[in-house]
Amino acid sequence: MTLRPLHYAGLALITLIGILAVAQYQRATLELTETEIIETYAARYLDTHPKAKRTDCRARPAPVKTTRMVVICGPEPFDAARHYEYHVGPLGGLIAQNGPADWATKSPVAPRDAA
């Protein structure tokens, strides 16, 4: 079977669509700042406890490549009853959330008073 000009045009169109999709994804990733991401999850944390403060939150680079960052919220010193972690994807979406109910089976990424 030989490829006809129409086949080449279709292949070129599919390739162009793929390139544009990748470019759009990269643009969207770059437009969303880390500060915006932290503010989004800090607002979520403020709803967890009446004594929660925005300054309880900070972020760390993600331990895995599929995650953009981990937003860590909790008072100092570490309090397992009020410590939350939000694992955030490349476009700012929540991948996983760990909170007080999870610390019996999981380890926090970075409690503030970890030795």
N, C-alpha and C. Protein backbone atom coordinates (compact mmCIF):
# COMPACT_ATOMS: atom_id res chain seq x y z
N MET A 1 0.84 -1.17 0.00
CA MET A 1 0.00 0.00 0.00
C MET A 1 0.89 1.24 0.00
N THR A 2 0.62 2.16 -0.83
CA THR A 2 1.39 3.41 -0.89
C THR A 2 0.57 4.53 -0.27
N LEU A 3 1.29 5.44 0.31
CA LEU A 3 0.62 6.59 0.89
C LEU A 3 0.34 7.63 -0.18
N ARG A 4 -0.84 8.14 -0.13
CA ARG A 4 -1.24 9.17 -1.09
C ARG A 4 -1.08 10.54 -0.43
N PRO A 5 -1.12 11.60 -1.22
CA PRO A 5 -0.99 12.95 -0.65
C PRO A 5 -2.01 13.22 0.46
N LEU A 6 -3.20 12.65 0.34
CA LEU A 6 -4.21 12.85 1.37
C LEU A 6 -3.77 12.23 2.71
N HIS A 7 -3.09 11.09 2.63
CA HIS A 7 -2.57 10.45 3.84
C HIS A 7 -1.53 11.34 4.51
N TYR A 8 -0.64 11.92 3.72
CA TYR A 8 0.39 12.80 4.25
C TYR A 8 -0.25 14.03 4.89
N ALA A 9 -1.28 14.56 4.28
CA ALA A 9 -1.97 15.73 4.84
C ALA A 9 -2.61 15.37 6.18
N GLY A 10 -3.23 14.21 6.27
CA GLY A 10 -3.83 13.77 7.52
C GLY A 10 -2.79 13.57 8.61
N LEU A 11 -1.68 12.96 8.26
CA LEU A 11 -0.59 12.74 9.21
C LEU A 11 -0.03 14.08 9.68
N ALA A 12 0.15 15.02 8.77
CA ALA A 12 0.65 16.35 9.13
C ALA A 12 -0.33 17.06 10.06
N LEU A 13 -1.62 16.92 9.80
CA LEU A 13 -2.63 17.56 10.64
C LEU A 13 -2.62 16.97 12.05
N ILE A 14 -2.54 15.67 12.16
CA ILE A 14 -2.49 15.02 13.47
C ILE A 14 -1.24 15.44 14.23
N THR A 15 -0.12 15.52 13.55
CA THR A 15 1.12 15.95 14.17
C THR A 15 1.00 17.39 14.66
N LEU A 16 0.43 18.26 13.85
CA LEU A 16 0.25 19.66 14.22
C LEU A 16 -0.67 19.78 15.44
N ILE A 17 -1.74 19.02 15.48
CA ILE A 17 -2.65 19.05 16.62
C ILE A 17 -1.91 18.60 17.89
N GLY A 18 -1.09 17.58 17.77
CA GLY A 18 -0.31 17.10 18.92
C GLY A 18 0.66 18.16 19.43
N ILE A 19 1.34 18.82 18.52
CA ILE A 19 2.29 19.87 18.90
C ILE A 19 1.56 21.03 19.58
N LEU A 20 0.41 21.42 19.04
CA LEU A 20 -0.37 22.50 19.64
C LEU A 20 -0.88 22.12 21.03
N ALA A 21 -1.27 20.87 21.21
CA ALA A 21 -1.75 20.42 22.51
C ALA A 21 -0.63 20.49 23.55
N VAL A 22 0.56 20.05 23.19
CA VAL A 22 1.70 20.11 24.10
C VAL A 22 2.04 21.55 24.43
N ALA A 23 2.03 22.43 23.43
CA ALA A 23 2.33 23.85 23.65
C ALA A 23 1.30 24.47 24.59
N GLN A 24 0.03 24.14 24.41
CA GLN A 24 -1.02 24.68 25.28
C GLN A 24 -0.84 24.20 26.71
N TYR A 25 -0.51 22.95 26.89
CA TYR A 25 -0.29 22.38 28.22
C TYR A 25 0.87 23.11 28.91
N GLN A 26 1.97 23.31 28.18
CA GLN A 26 3.12 24.00 28.76
C GLN A 26 2.78 25.45 29.10
N ARG A 27 2.01 26.11 28.26
CA ARG A 27 1.63 27.49 28.51
C ARG A 27 0.77 27.58 29.77
N ALA A 28 -0.18 26.66 29.89
CA ALA A 28 -1.05 26.66 31.06
C ALA A 28 -0.26 26.39 32.33
N THR A 29 0.72 25.53 32.26
CA THR A 29 1.56 25.22 33.42
C THR A 29 2.36 26.45 33.83
N LEU A 30 2.89 27.18 32.87
CA LEU A 30 3.71 28.35 33.18
C LEU A 30 2.88 29.53 33.67
N GLU A 31 1.64 29.65 33.25
CA GLU A 31 0.80 30.78 33.66
C GLU A 31 0.37 30.70 35.10
N LEU A 32 0.21 29.52 35.64
CA LEU A 32 -0.23 29.34 37.02
C LEU A 32 0.98 29.45 37.94
N THR A 33 1.01 30.48 38.78
CA THR A 33 2.17 30.67 39.64
C THR A 33 2.08 29.79 40.88
N GLU A 34 3.22 29.56 41.46
CA GLU A 34 3.26 28.75 42.68
C GLU A 34 2.55 29.47 43.82
N THR A 35 2.63 30.79 43.84
CA THR A 35 1.92 31.57 44.87
C THR A 35 0.42 31.35 44.76
N GLU A 36 -0.11 31.36 43.55
CA GLU A 36 -1.55 31.12 43.36
C GLU A 36 -1.95 29.74 43.86
N ILE A 37 -1.10 28.76 43.60
CA ILE A 37 -1.39 27.40 44.05
C ILE A 37 -1.41 27.34 45.58
N ILE A 38 -0.40 27.93 46.21
CA ILE A 38 -0.32 27.92 47.67
C ILE A 38 -1.53 28.63 48.27
N GLU A 39 -1.90 29.77 47.71
CA GLU A 39 -3.07 30.51 48.21
C GLU A 39 -4.35 29.69 48.10
N THR A 40 -4.49 28.95 47.02
CA THR A 40 -5.68 28.12 46.82
C THR A 40 -5.81 27.07 47.92
N TYR A 41 -4.71 26.39 48.22
CA TYR A 41 -4.77 25.32 49.21
C TYR A 41 -4.73 25.86 50.64
N ALA A 42 -4.15 27.04 50.84
CA ALA A 42 -4.21 27.69 52.15
C ALA A 42 -5.66 28.03 52.48
N ALA A 43 -6.40 28.50 51.49
CA ALA A 43 -7.82 28.80 51.70
C ALA A 43 -8.59 27.53 52.09
N ARG A 44 -8.25 26.42 51.48
CA ARG A 44 -8.90 25.14 51.83
C ARG A 44 -8.56 24.76 53.27
N TYR A 45 -7.30 24.97 53.64
CA TYR A 45 -6.85 24.66 55.00
C TYR A 45 -7.59 25.52 56.03
N LEU A 46 -7.83 26.78 55.74
CA LEU A 46 -8.50 27.68 56.68
C LEU A 46 -9.88 27.17 57.08
N ASP A 47 -10.48 26.35 56.24
CA ASP A 47 -11.79 25.78 56.54
C ASP A 47 -11.72 24.56 57.47
N THR A 48 -10.52 24.10 57.80
CA THR A 48 -10.39 22.86 58.56
C THR A 48 -10.48 23.05 60.07
N HIS A 49 -10.12 24.21 60.57
CA HIS A 49 -10.02 24.40 62.02
C HIS A 49 -10.20 25.87 62.35
N PRO A 50 -10.90 26.19 63.44
CA PRO A 50 -11.12 27.60 63.76
C PRO A 50 -9.83 28.38 64.06
N LYS A 51 -8.77 27.70 64.50
CA LYS A 51 -7.51 28.38 64.81
C LYS A 51 -6.52 28.35 63.65
N ALA A 52 -6.93 27.84 62.51
CA ALA A 52 -6.04 27.78 61.34
C ALA A 52 -5.70 29.19 60.87
N LYS A 53 -4.42 29.37 60.48
CA LYS A 53 -3.96 30.67 59.96
C LYS A 53 -3.31 30.45 58.60
N ARG A 54 -3.43 31.43 57.75
CA ARG A 54 -2.82 31.37 56.41
C ARG A 54 -1.30 31.19 56.51
N THR A 55 -0.70 31.76 57.55
CA THR A 55 0.76 31.66 57.71
C THR A 55 1.21 30.27 58.15
N ASP A 56 0.28 29.38 58.42
CA ASP A 56 0.62 27.99 58.76
C ASP A 56 1.03 27.20 57.50
N CYS A 57 0.84 27.79 56.32
CA CYS A 57 1.06 27.05 55.07
C CYS A 57 2.35 27.45 54.37
N ARG A 58 2.95 26.46 53.75
CA ARG A 58 4.15 26.64 52.94
C ARG A 58 4.16 25.54 51.90
N ALA A 59 5.12 25.56 51.00
CA ALA A 59 5.18 24.52 49.95
C ALA A 59 6.59 23.97 49.83
N ARG A 60 6.65 22.76 49.34
CA ARG A 60 7.91 22.08 49.07
C ARG A 60 7.85 21.48 47.68
N PRO A 61 9.01 21.30 47.05
CA PRO A 61 9.00 20.58 45.78
C PRO A 61 8.46 19.16 46.01
N ALA A 62 7.85 18.64 45.01
CA ALA A 62 7.24 17.32 45.12
C ALA A 62 8.30 16.22 45.14
N PRO A 63 8.05 15.15 45.90
CA PRO A 63 8.99 14.03 45.93
C PRO A 63 8.91 13.15 44.67
N VAL A 64 7.84 13.30 43.88
CA VAL A 64 7.70 12.52 42.65
C VAL A 64 7.48 13.48 41.48
N LYS A 65 7.88 13.06 40.29
CA LYS A 65 7.83 13.94 39.12
C LYS A 65 6.41 14.26 38.64
N THR A 66 5.45 13.42 38.94
CA THR A 66 4.09 13.66 38.48
C THR A 66 3.37 14.71 39.32
N THR A 67 3.99 15.15 40.39
CA THR A 67 3.42 16.15 41.28
C THR A 67 4.25 17.42 41.19
N ARG A 68 3.60 18.57 41.08
CA ARG A 68 4.32 19.84 40.97
C ARG A 68 4.89 20.30 42.31
N MET A 69 4.09 20.19 43.36
CA MET A 69 4.53 20.60 44.69
C MET A 69 3.62 20.00 45.73
N VAL A 70 4.06 20.09 46.98
CA VAL A 70 3.24 19.69 48.12
C VAL A 70 3.04 20.93 48.97
N VAL A 71 1.79 21.33 49.16
CA VAL A 71 1.47 22.45 50.04
C VAL A 71 1.22 21.84 51.41
N ILE A 72 1.99 22.31 52.40
CA ILE A 72 1.95 21.76 53.75
C ILE A 72 1.37 22.83 54.66
N CYS A 73 0.33 22.48 55.40
CA CYS A 73 -0.31 23.42 56.30
C CYS A 73 -0.46 22.80 57.68
N GLY A 74 -0.07 23.55 58.68
CA GLY A 74 -0.22 23.10 60.05
C GLY A 74 0.54 24.00 60.98
N PRO A 75 0.13 24.02 62.25
CA PRO A 75 0.79 24.90 63.22
C PRO A 75 2.16 24.38 63.63
N GLU A 76 2.91 25.26 64.27
CA GLU A 76 4.20 24.90 64.83
C GLU A 76 4.06 24.85 66.33
N PRO A 77 4.53 23.87 67.05
CA PRO A 77 5.17 22.66 66.57
C PRO A 77 4.16 21.72 65.90
N PHE A 78 4.68 20.69 65.28
CA PHE A 78 3.86 19.73 64.54
C PHE A 78 2.73 19.20 65.42
N ASP A 79 1.53 19.27 64.88
CA ASP A 79 0.34 18.77 65.55
C ASP A 79 -0.40 17.87 64.56
N ALA A 80 -0.33 16.57 64.80
CA ALA A 80 -0.93 15.62 63.85
C ALA A 80 -2.43 15.84 63.68
N ALA A 81 -3.08 16.43 64.66
CA ALA A 81 -4.52 16.67 64.56
C ALA A 81 -4.85 17.84 63.65
N ARG A 82 -3.84 18.66 63.29
CA ARG A 82 -4.10 19.85 62.47
C ARG A 82 -3.13 19.97 61.30
N HIS A 83 -2.42 18.90 60.96
CA HIS A 83 -1.44 18.92 59.87
C HIS A 83 -2.09 18.38 58.59
N TYR A 84 -2.01 19.16 57.53
CA TYR A 84 -2.57 18.77 56.23
C TYR A 84 -1.52 18.91 55.15
N GLU A 85 -1.58 18.03 54.16
CA GLU A 85 -0.71 18.11 52.98
C GLU A 85 -1.56 17.97 51.73
N TYR A 86 -1.30 18.86 50.79
CA TYR A 86 -2.03 18.86 49.52
C TYR A 86 -1.01 18.61 48.41
N HIS A 87 -1.09 17.47 47.77
CA HIS A 87 -0.19 17.12 46.67
C HIS A 87 -0.83 17.66 45.39
N VAL A 88 -0.12 18.56 44.72
CA VAL A 88 -0.68 19.34 43.63
C VAL A 88 -0.06 18.93 42.30
N GLY A 89 -0.89 18.76 41.28
CA GLY A 89 -0.44 18.39 39.94
C GLY A 89 0.12 19.57 39.17
N PRO A 90 0.62 19.32 37.96
CA PRO A 90 1.27 20.35 37.15
C PRO A 90 0.39 21.55 36.84
N LEU A 91 -0.92 21.35 36.74
CA LEU A 91 -1.82 22.45 36.42
C LEU A 91 -2.56 22.98 37.66
N GLY A 92 -2.11 22.59 38.85
CA GLY A 92 -2.71 23.09 40.08
C GLY A 92 -3.81 22.24 40.67
N GLY A 93 -4.15 21.15 40.03
CA GLY A 93 -5.21 20.27 40.54
C GLY A 93 -4.72 19.40 41.69
N LEU A 94 -5.64 19.06 42.56
CA LEU A 94 -5.33 18.22 43.70
C LEU A 94 -5.15 16.77 43.28
N ILE A 95 -4.00 16.20 43.58
CA ILE A 95 -3.73 14.79 43.30
C ILE A 95 -4.08 13.95 44.52
N ALA A 96 -3.63 14.42 45.69
CA ALA A 96 -3.92 13.70 46.94
C ALA A 96 -3.93 14.69 48.09
N GLN A 97 -4.73 14.37 49.08
CA GLN A 97 -4.78 15.19 50.29
C GLN A 97 -4.59 14.26 51.48
N ASN A 98 -3.67 14.61 52.35
CA ASN A 98 -3.46 13.86 53.58
C ASN A 98 -3.77 14.77 54.76
N GLY A 99 -4.45 14.23 55.75
CA GLY A 99 -4.81 15.01 56.91
C GLY A 99 -4.74 14.19 58.17
N PRO A 100 -5.31 14.69 59.26
CA PRO A 100 -5.21 14.02 60.56
C PRO A 100 -5.55 12.53 60.55
N ALA A 101 -6.52 12.13 59.77
CA ALA A 101 -6.92 10.71 59.75
C ALA A 101 -5.89 9.82 59.06
N ASP A 102 -4.95 10.43 58.32
CA ASP A 102 -3.99 9.64 57.54
C ASP A 102 -2.67 9.37 58.25
N TRP A 103 -2.36 10.09 59.33
CA TRP A 103 -1.01 10.00 59.90
C TRP A 103 -0.75 8.70 60.64
N ALA A 104 -1.76 7.90 60.90
CA ALA A 104 -1.52 6.59 61.51
C ALA A 104 -0.88 5.62 60.51
N THR A 105 -1.14 5.83 59.22
CA THR A 105 -0.62 4.91 58.20
C THR A 105 0.35 5.57 57.23
N LYS A 106 0.47 6.90 57.25
CA LYS A 106 1.37 7.61 56.32
C LYS A 106 2.29 8.52 57.11
N SER A 107 3.40 8.86 56.50
CA SER A 107 4.34 9.80 57.11
C SER A 107 4.20 11.16 56.45
N PRO A 108 4.16 12.23 57.24
CA PRO A 108 4.10 13.56 56.64
C PRO A 108 5.35 13.84 55.81
N VAL A 109 5.19 14.63 54.76
CA VAL A 109 6.33 14.99 53.91
C VAL A 109 7.34 15.81 54.70
N ALA A 110 6.86 16.78 55.45
CA ALA A 110 7.79 17.66 56.16
C ALA A 110 7.15 18.32 57.37
N PRO A 111 7.02 17.61 58.47
CA PRO A 111 6.55 18.31 59.67
C PRO A 111 7.60 19.34 60.07
N ARG A 112 7.18 20.47 60.57
CA ARG A 112 8.10 21.58 60.85
C ARG A 112 9.14 21.23 61.90
N ASP A 113 8.79 20.39 62.87
CA ASP A 113 9.74 20.12 63.93
C ASP A 113 10.44 18.77 63.75
N ALA A 114 10.45 18.26 62.52
CA ALA A 114 11.11 16.97 62.27
C ALA A 114 12.60 17.10 62.53
N ALA A 115 13.14 16.09 63.17
CA ALA A 115 14.56 16.13 63.49
C ALA A 115 15.36 15.34 62.48
